PDB file of all heavy atoms in Angstrom:
ATOM      1  N   LYS A   1      73.525  77.960  63.185  1.00  0.00           N
ATOM      2  CA  LYS A   1      73.278  77.245  61.925  1.00  0.00           C
ATOM      3  C   LYS A   1      72.186  76.255  62.035  1.00  0.00           C
ATOM      4  O   LYS A   1      71.548  75.834  61.111  1.00  0.00           O
ATOM      5  CB  LYS A   1      74.518  76.475  61.416  1.00  0.00           C
ATOM      6  CG  LYS A   1      74.881  75.239  62.237  1.00  0.00           C
ATOM      7  CD  LYS A   1      76.024  74.517  61.553  1.00  0.00           C
ATOM      8  CE  LYS A   1      76.421  73.132  62.311  1.00  0.00           C
ATOM      9  NZ  LYS A   1      77.466  72.368  61.684  1.00  0.00           N
ATOM     10  N   ARG A   2      71.798  75.803  63.299  1.00  0.00           N
ATOM     11  CA  ARG A   2      70.771  74.839  63.571  1.00  0.00           C
ATOM     12  C   ARG A   2      70.162  75.150  64.871  1.00  0.00           C
ATOM     13  O   ARG A   2      70.780  75.565  65.881  1.00  0.00           O
ATOM     14  CB  ARG A   2      71.347  73.474  63.549  1.00  0.00           C
ATOM     15  CG  ARG A   2      70.274  72.294  63.784  1.00  0.00           C
ATOM     16  CD  ARG A   2      70.834  70.966  63.732  1.00  0.00           C
ATOM     17  NE  ARG A   2      69.825  69.906  63.993  1.00  0.00           N
ATOM     18  CZ  ARG A   2      69.916  68.941  64.890  1.00  0.00           C
ATOM     19  NH1 ARG A   2      71.074  68.843  65.703  1.00  0.00           N
ATOM     20  NH2 ARG A   2      69.001  68.033  65.138  1.00  0.00           N
ATOM     21  N   VAL A   3      68.781  74.979  64.964  1.00  0.00           N
ATOM     22  CA  VAL A   3      68.064  75.242  66.174  1.00  0.00           C
ATOM     23  C   VAL A   3      67.108  73.957  66.386  1.00  0.00           C
ATOM     24  O   VAL A   3      66.379  73.553  65.512  1.00  0.00           O
ATOM     25  CB  VAL A   3      67.124  76.531  66.090  1.00  0.00           C
ATOM     26  CG1 VAL A   3      66.306  76.730  67.363  1.00  0.00           C
ATOM     27  CG2 VAL A   3      68.053  77.743  65.942  1.00  0.00           C
ATOM     28  N   VAL A   4      67.206  73.561  67.571  1.00  0.00           N
ATOM     29  CA  VAL A   4      66.415  72.350  68.036  1.00  0.00           C
ATOM     30  C   VAL A   4      65.336  72.944  69.118  1.00  0.00           C
ATOM     31  O   VAL A   4      65.802  73.491  70.083  1.00  0.00           O
ATOM     32  CB  VAL A   4      67.226  71.225  68.564  1.00  0.00           C
ATOM     33  CG1 VAL A   4      66.448  70.071  69.069  1.00  0.00           C
ATOM     34  CG2 VAL A   4      68.303  70.862  67.551  1.00  0.00           C
ATOM     35  N   VAL A   5      64.106  72.704  68.817  1.00  0.00           N
ATOM     36  CA  VAL A   5      63.047  73.291  69.612  1.00  0.00           C
ATOM     37  C   VAL A   5      62.304  72.159  70.393  1.00  0.00           C
ATOM     38  O   VAL A   5      61.834  71.188  69.727  1.00  0.00           O
ATOM     39  CB  VAL A   5      62.155  74.212  68.746  1.00  0.00           C
ATOM     40  CG1 VAL A   5      61.033  74.739  69.641  1.00  0.00           C
ATOM     41  CG2 VAL A   5      62.964  75.243  68.101  1.00  0.00           C
ATOM     42  N   GLY A   6      61.970  72.344  71.624  1.00  0.00           N
ATOM     43  CA  GLY A   6      61.154  71.485  72.348  1.00  0.00           C
ATOM     44  C   GLY A   6      59.619  71.493  71.898  1.00  0.00           C
ATOM     45  O   GLY A   6      59.133  70.530  71.444  1.00  0.00           O
ATOM     46  N   CYS A   7      59.035  72.610  72.065  1.00  0.00           N
ATOM     47  CA  CYS A   7      57.602  72.804  71.704  1.00  0.00           C
ATOM     48  C   CYS A   7      57.365  74.138  71.098  1.00  0.00           C
ATOM     49  O   CYS A   7      58.136  75.049  71.312  1.00  0.00           O
ATOM     50  CB  CYS A   7      56.675  72.401  72.812  1.00  0.00           C
ATOM     51  SG  CYS A   7      56.722  73.611  74.090  1.00  0.00           S
ATOM     52  N   LEU A   8      56.259  74.230  70.362  1.00  0.00           N
ATOM     53  CA  LEU A   8      55.831  75.552  69.815  1.00  0.00           C
ATOM     54  C   LEU A   8      55.139  76.416  70.841  1.00  0.00           C
ATOM     55  O   LEU A   8      54.596  75.913  71.790  1.00  0.00           O
ATOM     56  CB  LEU A   8      54.951  75.314  68.542  1.00  0.00           C
ATOM     57  CG  LEU A   8      55.667  74.489  67.427  1.00  0.00           C
ATOM     58  CD1 LEU A   8      54.656  74.471  66.223  1.00  0.00           C
ATOM     59  CD2 LEU A   8      56.910  75.034  66.982  1.00  0.00           C
ATOM     60  N   ASP A   9      55.215  77.659  70.598  1.00  0.00           N
ATOM     61  CA  ASP A   9      54.559  78.741  71.496  1.00  0.00           C
ATOM     62  C   ASP A   9      53.175  78.992  70.884  1.00  0.00           C
ATOM     63  O   ASP A   9      52.980  79.468  69.772  1.00  0.00           O
ATOM     64  CB  ASP A   9      55.443  79.902  71.452  1.00  0.00           C
ATOM     65  CG  ASP A   9      54.872  80.949  72.493  1.00  0.00           C
ATOM     66  OD1 ASP A   9      53.750  80.896  72.922  1.00  0.00           O
ATOM     67  OD2 ASP A   9      55.629  81.972  72.759  1.00  0.00           O
ATOM     68  N   PRO A  10      52.031  78.746  71.701  1.00  0.00           N
ATOM     69  CA  PRO A  10      50.703  79.010  71.138  1.00  0.00           C
ATOM     70  C   PRO A  10      50.329  80.424  71.191  1.00  0.00           C
ATOM     71  O   PRO A  10      49.271  80.850  70.740  1.00  0.00           O
ATOM     72  CB  PRO A  10      49.850  78.242  72.165  1.00  0.00           C
ATOM     73  CG  PRO A  10      50.554  78.249  73.424  1.00  0.00           C
ATOM     74  CD  PRO A  10      52.075  78.213  73.045  1.00  0.00           C
ATOM     75  N   ASP A  11      51.163  81.394  71.684  1.00  0.00           N
ATOM     76  CA  ASP A  11      50.880  82.831  71.661  1.00  0.00           C
ATOM     77  C   ASP A  11      50.671  83.251  70.291  1.00  0.00           C
ATOM     78  O   ASP A  11      51.571  83.064  69.368  1.00  0.00           O
ATOM     79  CB  ASP A  11      52.095  83.561  72.344  1.00  0.00           C
ATOM     80  CG  ASP A  11      51.759  85.020  72.561  1.00  0.00           C
ATOM     81  OD1 ASP A  11      51.058  85.609  71.769  1.00  0.00           O
ATOM     82  OD2 ASP A  11      52.263  85.570  73.526  1.00  0.00           O
ATOM     83  N   PRO A  12      49.566  83.860  69.973  1.00  0.00           N
ATOM     84  CA  PRO A  12      49.190  84.331  68.635  1.00  0.00           C
ATOM     85  C   PRO A  12      50.293  85.239  67.960  1.00  0.00           C
ATOM     86  O   PRO A  12      50.430  85.286  66.823  1.00  0.00           O
ATOM     87  CB  PRO A  12      48.011  85.147  68.771  1.00  0.00           C
ATOM     88  CG  PRO A  12      47.291  84.575  69.974  1.00  0.00           C
ATOM     89  CD  PRO A  12      48.386  84.269  70.867  1.00  0.00           C
ATOM     90  N   ARG A  13      51.112  85.928  68.855  1.00  0.00           N
ATOM     91  CA  ARG A  13      52.178  86.697  68.344  1.00  0.00           C
ATOM     92  C   ARG A  13      53.390  85.856  67.811  1.00  0.00           C
ATOM     93  O   ARG A  13      54.244  86.358  67.203  1.00  0.00           O
ATOM     94  CB  ARG A  13      52.685  87.687  69.392  1.00  0.00           C
ATOM     95  CG  ARG A  13      51.626  88.662  69.872  1.00  0.00           C
ATOM     96  CD  ARG A  13      52.042  89.452  71.080  1.00  0.00           C
ATOM     97  NE  ARG A  13      52.301  88.558  72.228  1.00  0.00           N
ATOM     98  CZ  ARG A  13      52.771  88.984  73.401  1.00  0.00           C
ATOM     99  NH1 ARG A  13      53.099  90.230  73.592  1.00  0.00           N
ATOM    100  NH2 ARG A  13      52.967  88.082  74.400  1.00  0.00           N
ATOM    101  N   VAL A  14      53.405  84.564  68.202  1.00  0.00           N
ATOM    102  CA  VAL A  14      54.492  83.710  67.814  1.00  0.00           C
ATOM    103  C   VAL A  14      53.925  82.556  66.906  1.00  0.00           C
ATOM    104  O   VAL A  14      53.886  82.599  65.761  1.00  0.00           O
ATOM    105  CB  VAL A  14      55.212  83.126  69.077  1.00  0.00           C
ATOM    106  CG1 VAL A  14      56.448  82.308  68.690  1.00  0.00           C
ATOM    107  CG2 VAL A  14      55.660  84.287  69.951  1.00  0.00           C
ATOM    108  N   GLU A  15      53.392  81.567  67.578  1.00  0.00           N
ATOM    109  CA  GLU A  15      52.634  80.534  66.892  1.00  0.00           C
ATOM    110  C   GLU A  15      53.153  80.048  65.552  1.00  0.00           C
ATOM    111  O   GLU A  15      52.589  80.058  64.567  1.00  0.00           O
ATOM    112  CB  GLU A  15      51.224  80.856  66.705  1.00  0.00           C
ATOM    113  CG  GLU A  15      50.201  79.723  66.665  1.00  0.00           C
ATOM    114  CD  GLU A  15      48.787  80.241  66.736  1.00  0.00           C
ATOM    115  OE1 GLU A  15      48.518  81.445  66.504  1.00  0.00           O
ATOM    116  OE2 GLU A  15      47.927  79.425  67.046  1.00  0.00           O
ATOM    117  N   GLY A  16      54.448  79.616  65.616  1.00  0.00           N
ATOM    118  CA  GLY A  16      55.258  79.175  64.340  1.00  0.00           C
ATOM    119  C   GLY A  16      55.868  80.234  63.645  1.00  0.00           C
ATOM    120  O   GLY A  16      56.769  79.918  62.813  1.00  0.00           O
ATOM    121  N   ARG A  17      55.742  81.575  63.967  1.00  0.00           N
ATOM    122  CA  ARG A  17      56.381  82.599  63.325  1.00  0.00           C
ATOM    123  C   ARG A  17      57.840  82.608  63.623  1.00  0.00           C
ATOM    124  O   ARG A  17      58.684  82.940  62.824  1.00  0.00           O
ATOM    125  CB  ARG A  17      55.815  83.935  63.618  1.00  0.00           C
ATOM    126  CG  ARG A  17      54.452  84.089  63.052  1.00  0.00           C
ATOM    127  CD  ARG A  17      53.762  85.427  63.458  1.00  0.00           C
ATOM    128  NE  ARG A  17      52.406  85.629  62.897  1.00  0.00           N
ATOM    129  CZ  ARG A  17      51.260  85.107  63.403  1.00  0.00           C
ATOM    130  NH1 ARG A  17      51.359  84.492  64.532  1.00  0.00           N
ATOM    131  NH2 ARG A  17      50.125  85.454  62.806  1.00  0.00           N
ATOM    132  N   GLY A  18      58.258  82.174  64.893  1.00  0.00           N
ATOM    133  CA  GLY A  18      59.701  82.043  65.259  1.00  0.00           C
ATOM    134  C   GLY A  18      60.348  81.070  64.354  1.00  0.00           C
ATOM    135  O   GLY A  18      61.467  81.306  63.915  1.00  0.00           O
ATOM    136  N   ILE A  19      59.693  79.927  64.223  1.00  0.00           N
ATOM    137  CA  ILE A  19      60.303  78.908  63.304  1.00  0.00           C
ATOM    138  C   ILE A  19      60.377  79.405  61.878  1.00  0.00           C
ATOM    139  O   ILE A  19      61.427  79.130  61.169  1.00  0.00           O
ATOM    140  CB  ILE A  19      59.391  77.694  63.421  1.00  0.00           C
ATOM    141  CG1 ILE A  19      59.251  77.124  64.770  1.00  0.00           C
ATOM    142  CG2 ILE A  19      60.011  76.576  62.425  1.00  0.00           C
ATOM    143  CD1 ILE A  19      60.447  76.698  65.450  1.00  0.00           C
ATOM    144  N   ALA A  20      59.373  80.115  61.429  1.00  0.00           N
ATOM    145  CA  ALA A  20      59.380  80.650  60.005  1.00  0.00           C
ATOM    146  C   ALA A  20      60.634  81.535  59.748  1.00  0.00           C
ATOM    147  O   ALA A  20      61.286  81.506  58.743  1.00  0.00           O
ATOM    148  CB  ALA A  20      58.144  81.354  59.634  1.00  0.00           C
ATOM    149  N   ILE A  21      60.879  82.485  60.855  1.00  0.00           N
ATOM    150  CA  ILE A  21      61.974  83.437  60.647  1.00  0.00           C
ATOM    151  C   ILE A  21      63.271  82.616  60.554  1.00  0.00           C
ATOM    152  O   ILE A  21      64.212  82.951  59.674  1.00  0.00           O
ATOM    153  CB  ILE A  21      62.010  84.321  61.946  1.00  0.00           C
ATOM    154  CG1 ILE A  21      60.844  85.368  61.873  1.00  0.00           C
ATOM    155  CG2 ILE A  21      63.478  85.011  61.935  1.00  0.00           C
ATOM    156  CD1 ILE A  21      60.713  86.231  63.182  1.00  0.00           C
ATOM    157  N   LEU A  22      63.467  81.604  61.339  1.00  0.00           N
ATOM    158  CA  LEU A  22      64.713  80.851  61.239  1.00  0.00           C
ATOM    159  C   LEU A  22      64.958  80.101  59.914  1.00  0.00           C
ATOM    160  O   LEU A  22      65.925  80.211  59.351  1.00  0.00           O
ATOM    161  CB  LEU A  22      64.737  79.784  62.417  1.00  0.00           C
ATOM    162  CG  LEU A  22      64.637  80.354  63.860  1.00  0.00           C
ATOM    163  CD1 LEU A  22      64.468  79.247  64.844  1.00  0.00           C
ATOM    164  CD2 LEU A  22      65.931  81.134  64.174  1.00  0.00           C
ATOM    165  N   LYS A  23      63.841  79.576  59.523  1.00  0.00           N
ATOM    166  CA  LYS A  23      63.892  78.852  58.185  1.00  0.00           C
ATOM    167  C   LYS A  23      64.182  79.704  57.030  1.00  0.00           C
ATOM    168  O   LYS A  23      64.940  79.410  56.134  1.00  0.00           O
ATOM    169  CB  LYS A  23      62.700  77.992  57.993  1.00  0.00           C
ATOM    170  CG  LYS A  23      62.459  76.771  58.852  1.00  0.00           C
ATOM    171  CD  LYS A  23      61.314  75.953  58.599  1.00  0.00           C
ATOM    172  CE  LYS A  23      61.182  74.703  59.406  1.00  0.00           C
ATOM    173  NZ  LYS A  23      60.025  73.947  59.147  1.00  0.00           N
ATOM    174  N   ARG A  24      63.532  80.891  57.088  1.00  0.00           N
ATOM    175  CA  ARG A  24      63.789  81.852  55.944  1.00  0.00           C
ATOM    176  C   ARG A  24      65.265  82.391  55.906  1.00  0.00           C
ATOM    177  O   ARG A  24      65.708  82.759  54.821  1.00  0.00           O
ATOM    178  CB  ARG A  24      62.830  83.198  56.133  1.00  0.00           C
ATOM    179  CG  ARG A  24      61.489  82.854  55.668  1.00  0.00           C
ATOM    180  CD  ARG A  24      60.727  84.167  55.453  1.00  0.00           C
ATOM    181  NE  ARG A  24      60.622  85.083  56.573  1.00  0.00           N
ATOM    182  CZ  ARG A  24      59.682  85.044  57.473  1.00  0.00           C
ATOM    183  NH1 ARG A  24      58.649  84.219  57.359  1.00  0.00           N
ATOM    184  NH2 ARG A  24      59.698  85.745  58.564  1.00  0.00           N
ATOM    185  N   ALA A  25      65.866  82.320  57.091  1.00  0.00           N
ATOM    186  CA  ALA A  25      67.336  82.575  57.131  1.00  0.00           C
ATOM    187  C   ALA A  25      68.236  81.533  56.674  1.00  0.00           C
ATOM    188  O   ALA A  25      69.448  81.635  56.795  1.00  0.00           O
ATOM    189  CB  ALA A  25      67.599  83.185  58.434  1.00  0.00           C
ATOM    190  N   GLY A  26      67.654  80.294  56.433  1.00  0.00           N
ATOM    191  CA  GLY A  26      68.422  79.227  55.949  1.00  0.00           C
ATOM    192  C   GLY A  26      68.917  78.333  57.146  1.00  0.00           C
ATOM    193  O   GLY A  26      69.846  77.492  57.059  1.00  0.00           O
ATOM    194  N   ILE A  27      68.399  78.553  58.323  1.00  0.00           N
ATOM    195  CA  ILE A  27      68.768  77.826  59.487  1.00  0.00           C
ATOM    196  C   ILE A  27      68.071  76.535  59.473  1.00  0.00           C
ATOM    197  O   ILE A  27      66.839  76.431  59.258  1.00  0.00           O
ATOM    198  CB  ILE A  27      68.578  78.535  60.725  1.00  0.00           C
ATOM    199  CG1 ILE A  27      69.389  79.859  60.842  1.00  0.00           C
ATOM    200  CG2 ILE A  27      68.712  77.686  62.036  1.00  0.00           C
ATOM    201  CD1 ILE A  27      69.175  80.716  62.069  1.00  0.00           C
ATOM    202  N   GLU A  28      68.659  75.369  59.774  1.00  0.00           N
ATOM    203  CA  GLU A  28      68.009  74.071  59.930  1.00  0.00           C
ATOM    204  C   GLU A  28      67.299  74.118  61.235  1.00  0.00           C
ATOM    205  O   GLU A  28      67.921  74.392  62.346  1.00  0.00           O
ATOM    206  CB  GLU A  28      69.146  73.011  59.843  1.00  0.00           C
ATOM    207  CG  GLU A  28      68.486  71.616  60.067  1.00  0.00           C
ATOM    208  CD  GLU A  28      69.589  70.566  60.155  1.00  0.00           C
ATOM    209  OE1 GLU A  28      70.754  70.840  59.904  1.00  0.00           O
ATOM    210  OE2 GLU A  28      69.254  69.419  60.525  1.00  0.00           O
ATOM    211  N   VAL A  29      66.078  73.666  61.167  1.00  0.00           N
ATOM    212  CA  VAL A  29      65.204  73.579  62.392  1.00  0.00           C
ATOM    213  C   VAL A  29      64.643  72.216  62.650  1.00  0.00           C
ATOM    214  O   VAL A  29      64.065  71.656  61.690  1.00  0.00           O
ATOM    215  CB  VAL A  29      63.991  74.671  62.282  1.00  0.00           C
ATOM    216  CG1 VAL A  29      63.199  74.646  63.538  1.00  0.00           C
ATOM    217  CG2 VAL A  29      64.624  76.045  62.066  1.00  0.00           C
ATOM    218  N   THR A  30      64.772  71.799  63.900  1.00  0.00           N
ATOM    219  CA  THR A  30      64.130  70.515  64.274  1.00  0.00           C
ATOM    220  C   THR A  30      63.202  70.787  65.406  1.00  0.00           C
ATOM    221  O   THR A  30      63.603  71.483  66.462  1.00  0.00           O
ATOM    222  CB  THR A  30      65.183  69.447  64.747  1.00  0.00           C
ATOM    223  OG1 THR A  30      66.117  69.266  63.664  1.00  0.00           O
ATOM    224  CG2 THR A  30      64.505  68.164  65.189  1.00  0.00           C
ATOM    225  N   THR A  31      61.955  70.374  65.313  1.00  0.00           N
ATOM    226  CA  THR A  31      60.984  70.664  66.428  1.00  0.00           C
ATOM    227  C   THR A  31      60.460  69.391  67.008  1.00  0.00           C
ATOM    228  O   THR A  31      60.651  68.335  66.474  1.00  0.00           O
ATOM    229  CB  THR A  31      59.701  71.495  65.767  1.00  0.00           C
ATOM    230  OG1 THR A  31      59.127  70.704  64.744  1.00  0.00           O
ATOM    231  CG2 THR A  31      60.187  72.775  65.225  1.00  0.00           C
ATOM    232  N   GLY A  32      59.799  69.521  68.125  1.00  0.00           N
ATOM    233  CA  GLY A  32      59.173  68.405  68.806  1.00  0.00           C
ATOM    234  C   GLY A  32      60.074  67.444  69.554  1.00  0.00           C
ATOM    235  O   GLY A  32      59.788  66.271  69.823  1.00  0.00           O
ATOM    236  N   VAL A  33      61.240  67.967  69.937  1.00  0.00           N
ATOM    237  CA  VAL A  33      62.158  67.163  70.710  1.00  0.00           C
ATOM    238  C   VAL A  33      61.869  67.254  72.115  1.00  0.00           C
ATOM    239  O   VAL A  33      61.791  68.308  72.734  1.00  0.00           O
ATOM    240  CB  VAL A  33      63.632  67.571  70.427  1.00  0.00           C
ATOM    241  CG1 VAL A  33      64.670  66.816  71.326  1.00  0.00           C
ATOM    242  CG2 VAL A  33      64.056  67.506  68.959  1.00  0.00           C
ATOM    243  N   LEU A  34      61.562  66.109  72.819  1.00  0.00           N
ATOM    244  CA  LEU A  34      60.942  66.001  74.194  1.00  0.00           C
ATOM    245  C   LEU A  34      59.792  67.025  74.292  1.00  0.00           C
ATOM    246  O   LEU A  34      59.712  67.751  75.257  1.00  0.00           O
ATOM    247  CB  LEU A  34      62.139  66.411  75.084  1.00  0.00           C
ATOM    248  CG  LEU A  34      63.309  65.503  75.217  1.00  0.00           C
ATOM    249  CD1 LEU A  34      64.276  65.965  76.262  1.00  0.00           C
ATOM    250  CD2 LEU A  34      62.914  63.997  75.485  1.00  0.00           C
ATOM    251  N   GLU A  35      58.914  66.982  73.351  1.00  0.00           N
ATOM    252  CA  GLU A  35      57.847  67.849  73.200  1.00  0.00           C
ATOM    253  C   GLU A  35      56.931  67.763  74.437  1.00  0.00           C
ATOM    254  O   GLU A  35      56.472  68.905  74.974  1.00  0.00           O
ATOM    255  CB  GLU A  35      57.043  67.601  71.926  1.00  0.00           C
ATOM    256  CG  GLU A  35      55.861  68.625  71.724  1.00  0.00           C
ATOM    257  CD  GLU A  35      55.207  68.414  70.344  1.00  0.00           C
ATOM    258  OE1 GLU A  35      55.374  67.274  69.895  1.00  0.00           O
ATOM    259  OE2 GLU A  35      54.651  69.401  69.809  1.00  0.00           O
ATOM    260  N   GLU A  36      56.497  66.611  74.807  1.00  0.00           N
ATOM    261  CA  GLU A  36      55.543  66.559  76.018  1.00  0.00           C
ATOM    262  C   GLU A  36      56.198  67.095  77.261  1.00  0.00           C
ATOM    263  O   GLU A  36      55.485  67.797  78.011  1.00  0.00           O
ATOM    264  CB  GLU A  36      55.148  65.062  76.182  1.00  0.00           C
ATOM    265  CG  GLU A  36      54.138  64.619  75.137  1.00  0.00           C
ATOM    266  CD  GLU A  36      52.975  65.567  74.952  1.00  0.00           C
ATOM    267  OE1 GLU A  36      52.305  65.912  76.026  1.00  0.00           O
ATOM    268  OE2 GLU A  36      52.639  65.963  73.796  1.00  0.00           O
ATOM    269  N   GLU A  37      57.421  66.804  77.526  1.00  0.00           N
ATOM    270  CA  GLU A  37      58.062  67.324  78.659  1.00  0.00           C
ATOM    271  C   GLU A  37      58.151  68.832  78.563  1.00  0.00           C
ATOM    272  O   GLU A  37      57.945  69.609  79.513  1.00  0.00           O
ATOM    273  CB  GLU A  37      59.516  66.756  78.842  1.00  0.00           C
ATOM    274  CG  GLU A  37      59.622  65.258  79.186  1.00  0.00           C
ATOM    275  CD  GLU A  37      59.668  64.333  77.947  1.00  0.00           C
ATOM    276  OE1 GLU A  37      59.082  64.719  76.829  1.00  0.00           O
ATOM    277  OE2 GLU A  37      60.378  63.370  78.056  1.00  0.00           O
TER     278      GLU A  37
END
């Protein structure tokens, strides 16, 4: 029901698309948690 993500993947095959899939399915998404690490 919820996904917490450290950092985004710069791979052009992903690059935000993974987050978009989760959000379209109604999953709550939080990004940038301990992002620098």
